[in-house]
Amino acid sequence: MKIVKILLIVAVVYAAIVTIFETLIGTMQPQNDGTLVITTTDEDGNASDRVLSRLEVDGKVYVAVNHWPRAWYHNALERPQVKVAYGDIDGDYLAVPVEGAEHDRVEEARPRGALMTFLMGFAPRYFIRLEPA
């Protein structure tokens, strides 16, 4: 019974760490030279901005879905006309889901570290390619 209690405490502490990390990233949305701001719209037409890490691979721009909060990702899949801003770039883009060999190539070029994977609660990782509209 003692081992069950210990495992339960470890699980609760880990869940709290992931929740705190995800909440801080989501509310602070830190920006730097390697980020971009994507504006998506929900089913009611409400626009929402999200700061994401910009991944450039083979001359194409990608963003990764690394975290559990991912409403922006679902909005981009359902309504792929998005706005993107970074550096001197500010314009309309088409959000294209990435699968198969392209997904593997981007993952290999920009792997996610073990610590970040742990802090993100082992959230599945997906990519979107941003094509100028």
C-alpha atoms as a PDB file:
ATOM      1  CA  MET A   1       0.000   0.000   0.000  1.00  0.00           C
ATOM      2  CA  LYS A   2       2.890   2.338   0.740  1.00  0.00           C
ATOM      3  CA  ILE A   3       4.245   2.017  -2.829  1.00  0.00           C
ATOM      4  CA  VAL A   4       0.812   2.943  -4.239  1.00  0.00           C
ATOM      5  CA  LYS A   5       0.740   6.033  -2.031  1.00  0.00           C
ATOM      6  CA  ILE A   6       4.236   7.059  -3.187  1.00  0.00           C
ATOM      7  CA  LEU A   7       3.351   6.521  -6.859  1.00  0.00           C
ATOM      8  CA  LEU A   8       0.172   8.543  -6.427  1.00  0.00           C
ATOM      9  CA  ILE A   9       2.102  11.420  -4.847  1.00  0.00           C
ATOM     10  CA  VAL A  10       4.696  11.335  -7.653  1.00  0.00           C
ATOM     11  CA  ALA A  11       1.916  11.368 -10.279  1.00  0.00           C
ATOM     12  CA  VAL A  12       0.153  14.317  -8.627  1.00  0.00           C
ATOM     13  CA  VAL A  13       3.420  16.284  -8.304  1.00  0.00           C
ATOM     14  CA  TYR A  14       4.279  15.595 -11.967  1.00  0.00           C
ATOM     15  CA  ALA A  15       0.794  16.648 -13.115  1.00  0.00           C
ATOM     16  CA  ALA A  16       1.179  19.860 -11.101  1.00  0.00           C
ATOM     17  CA  ILE A  17       4.582  20.576 -12.694  1.00  0.00           C
ATOM     18  CA  VAL A  18       3.155  20.089 -16.208  1.00  0.00           C
ATOM     19  CA  THR A  19       0.105  22.226 -15.417  1.00  0.00           C
ATOM     20  CA  ILE A  20       2.222  25.059 -14.025  1.00  0.00           C
ATOM     21  CA  PHE A  21       4.654  24.931 -16.963  1.00  0.00           C
ATOM     22  CA  GLU A  22       1.868  24.892 -19.569  1.00  0.00           C
ATOM     23  CA  THR A  23       0.019  27.705 -17.789  1.00  0.00           C
ATOM     24  CA  LEU A  24       3.117  29.898 -17.602  1.00  0.00           C
ATOM     25  CA  ILE A  25       3.983  29.375 -21.275  1.00  0.00           C
ATOM     26  CA  GLY A  26       0.374  30.016 -22.308  1.00  0.00           C
ATOM     27  CA  THR A  27      -0.055  33.195 -20.304  1.00  0.00           C
ATOM     28  CA  MET A  28       3.409  34.710 -20.676  1.00  0.00           C
ATOM     29  CA  GLN A  29       3.849  33.830 -24.379  1.00  0.00           C
ATOM     30  CA  PRO A  30       7.544  34.789 -24.465  1.00  0.00           C
ATOM     31  CA  GLN A  31       8.724  36.326 -27.738  1.00  0.00           C
ATOM     32  CA  ASN A  32      12.202  36.455 -29.271  1.00  0.00           C
ATOM     33  CA  ASP A  33      13.878  36.380 -32.692  1.00  0.00           C
ATOM     34  CA  GLY A  34      12.886  32.716 -33.109  1.00  0.00           C
ATOM     35  CA  THR A  35       9.158  33.190 -32.581  1.00  0.00           C
ATOM     36  CA  LEU A  36       6.206  34.339 -34.626  1.00  0.00           C
ATOM     37  CA  VAL A  37       2.655  35.398 -33.856  1.00  0.00           C
ATOM     38  CA  ILE A  38      -0.094  33.447 -35.575  1.00  0.00           C
ATOM     39  CA  THR A  39      -3.642  34.764 -35.627  1.00  0.00           C
ATOM     40  CA  THR A  40      -6.364  32.160 -36.015  1.00  0.00           C
ATOM     41  CA  THR A  41     -10.136  32.471 -35.888  1.00  0.00           C
ATOM     42  CA  ASP A  42     -12.607  30.282 -34.052  1.00  0.00           C
ATOM     43  CA  GLU A  43     -15.980  29.048 -35.328  1.00  0.00           C
ATOM     44  CA  ASP A  44     -17.599  32.340 -34.269  1.00  0.00           C
ATOM     45  CA  GLY A  45     -15.040  34.421 -36.191  1.00  0.00           C
ATOM     46  CA  ASN A  46     -13.205  35.626 -33.083  1.00  0.00           C
ATOM     47  CA  ALA A  47      -9.500  36.206 -33.758  1.00  0.00           C
ATOM     48  CA  SER A  48      -6.887  34.924 -31.328  1.00  0.00           C
ATOM     49  CA  ASP A  49      -3.118  35.456 -31.286  1.00  0.00           C
ATOM     50  CA  ARG A  50      -0.610  32.823 -30.174  1.00  0.00           C
ATOM     51  CA  VAL A  51       3.165  33.177 -29.940  1.00  0.00           C
ATOM     52  CA  LEU A  52       4.905  30.100 -31.364  1.00  0.00           C
ATOM     53  CA  SER A  53       8.451  29.026 -32.075  1.00  0.00           C
ATOM     54  CA  ARG A  54       9.292  29.481 -35.743  1.00  0.00           C
ATOM     55  CA  LEU A  55      10.934  26.469 -37.356  1.00  0.00           C
ATOM     56  CA  GLU A  56      12.652  27.007 -40.689  1.00  0.00           C
ATOM     57  CA  VAL A  57      13.560  23.841 -42.567  1.00  0.00           C
ATOM     58  CA  ASP A  58      14.584  23.640 -46.239  1.00  0.00           C
ATOM     59  CA  GLY A  59      13.512  27.263 -46.775  1.00  0.00           C
ATOM     60  CA  LYS A  60       9.973  26.648 -45.483  1.00  0.00           C
ATOM     61  CA  VAL A  61       8.396  28.011 -42.300  1.00  0.00           C
ATOM     62  CA  TYR A  62       6.769  25.630 -39.839  1.00  0.00           C
ATOM     63  CA  VAL A  63       5.241  25.820 -36.392  1.00  0.00           C
ATOM     64  CA  ALA A  64       4.976  22.894 -33.996  1.00  0.00           C
ATOM     65  CA  VAL A  65       2.142  21.845 -31.761  1.00  0.00           C
ATOM     66  CA  ASN A  66       4.116  20.906 -28.648  1.00  0.00           C
ATOM     67  CA  HIS A  67       1.754  21.653 -25.765  1.00  0.00           C
ATOM     68  CA  TRP A  68      -1.547  20.256 -24.548  1.00  0.00           C
ATOM     69  CA  PRO A  69      -3.436  23.580 -24.915  1.00  0.00           C
ATOM     70  CA  ARG A  70      -3.880  23.617 -28.677  1.00  0.00           C
ATOM     71  CA  ALA A  71      -7.057  25.454 -29.614  1.00  0.00           C
ATOM     72  CA  TRP A  72      -5.044  27.569 -32.079  1.00  0.00           C
ATOM     73  CA  TYR A  73      -4.006  24.365 -33.887  1.00  0.00           C
ATOM     74  CA  HIS A  74      -7.558  23.081 -34.249  1.00  0.00           C
ATOM     75  CA  ASN A  75      -8.693  26.533 -35.401  1.00  0.00           C
ATOM     76  CA  ALA A  76      -5.902  26.581 -38.017  1.00  0.00           C
ATOM     77  CA  LEU A  77      -6.891  23.143 -39.298  1.00  0.00           C
ATOM     78  CA  GLU A  78     -10.581  24.086 -39.544  1.00  0.00           C
ATOM     79  CA  ARG A  79      -9.953  27.597 -40.933  1.00  0.00           C
ATOM     80  CA  PRO A  80      -6.492  27.505 -42.541  1.00  0.00           C
ATOM     81  CA  GLN A  81      -6.415  31.162 -43.598  1.00  0.00           C
ATOM     82  CA  VAL A  82      -4.258  32.662 -40.849  1.00  0.00           C
ATOM     83  CA  LYS A  83      -2.220  35.808 -40.275  1.00  0.00           C
ATOM     84  CA  VAL A  84       1.448  35.546 -39.391  1.00  0.00           C
ATOM     85  CA  ALA A  85       3.829  38.208 -38.086  1.00  0.00           C
ATOM     86  CA  TYR A  86       7.550  38.029 -37.321  1.00  0.00           C
ATOM     87  CA  GLY A  87      10.428  40.352 -38.026  1.00  0.00           C
ATOM     88  CA  ASP A  88       9.459  42.384 -41.108  1.00  0.00           C
ATOM     89  CA  ILE A  89       6.911  39.749 -42.183  1.00  0.00           C
ATOM     90  CA  ASP A  90       3.241  40.474 -41.604  1.00  0.00           C
ATOM     91  CA  GLY A  91       0.731  38.844 -43.894  1.00  0.00           C
ATOM     92  CA  ASP A  92      -1.821  36.234 -44.803  1.00  0.00           C
ATOM     93  CA  TYR A  93      -0.804  32.584 -44.854  1.00  0.00           C
ATOM     94  CA  LEU A  94      -2.324  29.191 -45.440  1.00  0.00           C
ATOM     95  CA  ALA A  95      -1.823  26.673 -42.619  1.00  0.00           C
ATOM     96  CA  VAL A  96      -0.998  23.282 -44.141  1.00  0.00           C
ATOM     97  CA  PRO A  97      -0.881  20.191 -41.904  1.00  0.00           C
ATOM     98  CA  VAL A  98       2.363  18.223 -42.232  1.00  0.00           C
ATOM     99  CA  GLU A  99       2.384  14.435 -42.378  1.00  0.00           C
ATOM    100  CA  GLY A 100       4.514  11.493 -43.425  1.00  0.00           C
ATOM    101  CA  ALA A 101       8.059  12.015 -44.690  1.00  0.00           C
ATOM    102  CA  GLU A 102       7.821  15.802 -44.410  1.00  0.00           C
ATOM    103  CA  HIS A 103       6.832  15.477 -40.730  1.00  0.00           C
ATOM    104  CA  ASP A 104       9.764  13.140 -40.107  1.00  0.00           C
ATOM    105  CA  ARG A 105      12.176  15.515 -41.885  1.00  0.00           C
ATOM    106  CA  VAL A 106      11.055  18.524 -39.811  1.00  0.00           C
ATOM    107  CA  GLU A 107      11.161  16.483 -36.594  1.00  0.00           C
ATOM    108  CA  GLU A 108      14.685  15.314 -37.393  1.00  0.00           C
ATOM    109  CA  ALA A 109      15.835  18.850 -38.281  1.00  0.00           C
ATOM    110  CA  ARG A 110      14.296  20.390 -35.138  1.00  0.00           C
ATOM    111  CA  PRO A 111      14.040  17.714 -32.432  1.00  0.00           C
ATOM    112  CA  ARG A 112      12.418  18.456 -29.108  1.00  0.00           C
ATOM    113  CA  GLY A 113      14.689  17.887 -26.135  1.00  0.00           C
ATOM    114  CA  ALA A 114      13.981  15.358 -23.410  1.00  0.00           C
ATOM    115  CA  LEU A 115      13.558  17.995 -20.681  1.00  0.00           C
ATOM    116  CA  MET A 116      11.035  19.981 -22.732  1.00  0.00           C
ATOM    117  CA  THR A 117       9.150  16.803 -23.631  1.00  0.00           C
ATOM    118  CA  PHE A 118       8.969  15.957 -19.918  1.00  0.00           C
ATOM    119  CA  LEU A 119       7.828  19.462 -18.924  1.00  0.00           C
ATOM    120  CA  MET A 120       5.168  19.424 -21.664  1.00  0.00           C
ATOM    121  CA  GLY A 121       3.689  16.207 -20.312  1.00  0.00           C
ATOM    122  CA  PHE A 122       4.719  14.157 -23.363  1.00  0.00           C
ATOM    123  CA  ALA A 123       2.183  15.961 -25.557  1.00  0.00           C
ATOM    124  CA  PRO A 124       2.085  14.552 -29.094  1.00  0.00           C
ATOM    125  CA  ARG A 125       3.901  16.768 -31.598  1.00  0.00           C
ATOM    126  CA  TYR A 126       2.424  17.885 -34.914  1.00  0.00           C
ATOM    127  CA  PHE A 127       3.603  20.444 -37.458  1.00  0.00           C
ATOM    128  CA  ILE A 128       1.942  23.043 -39.674  1.00  0.00           C
ATOM    129  CA  ARG A 129       3.675  24.531 -42.709  1.00  0.00           C
ATOM    130  CA  LEU A 130       2.883  28.193 -43.306  1.00  0.00           C
ATOM    131  CA  GLU A 131       2.496  29.004 -46.995  1.00  0.00           C
ATOM    132  CA  PRO A 132       2.142  32.652 -48.099  1.00  0.00           C
ATOM    133  CA  ALA A 133      -1.407  33.235 -49.337  1.00  0.00           C
END
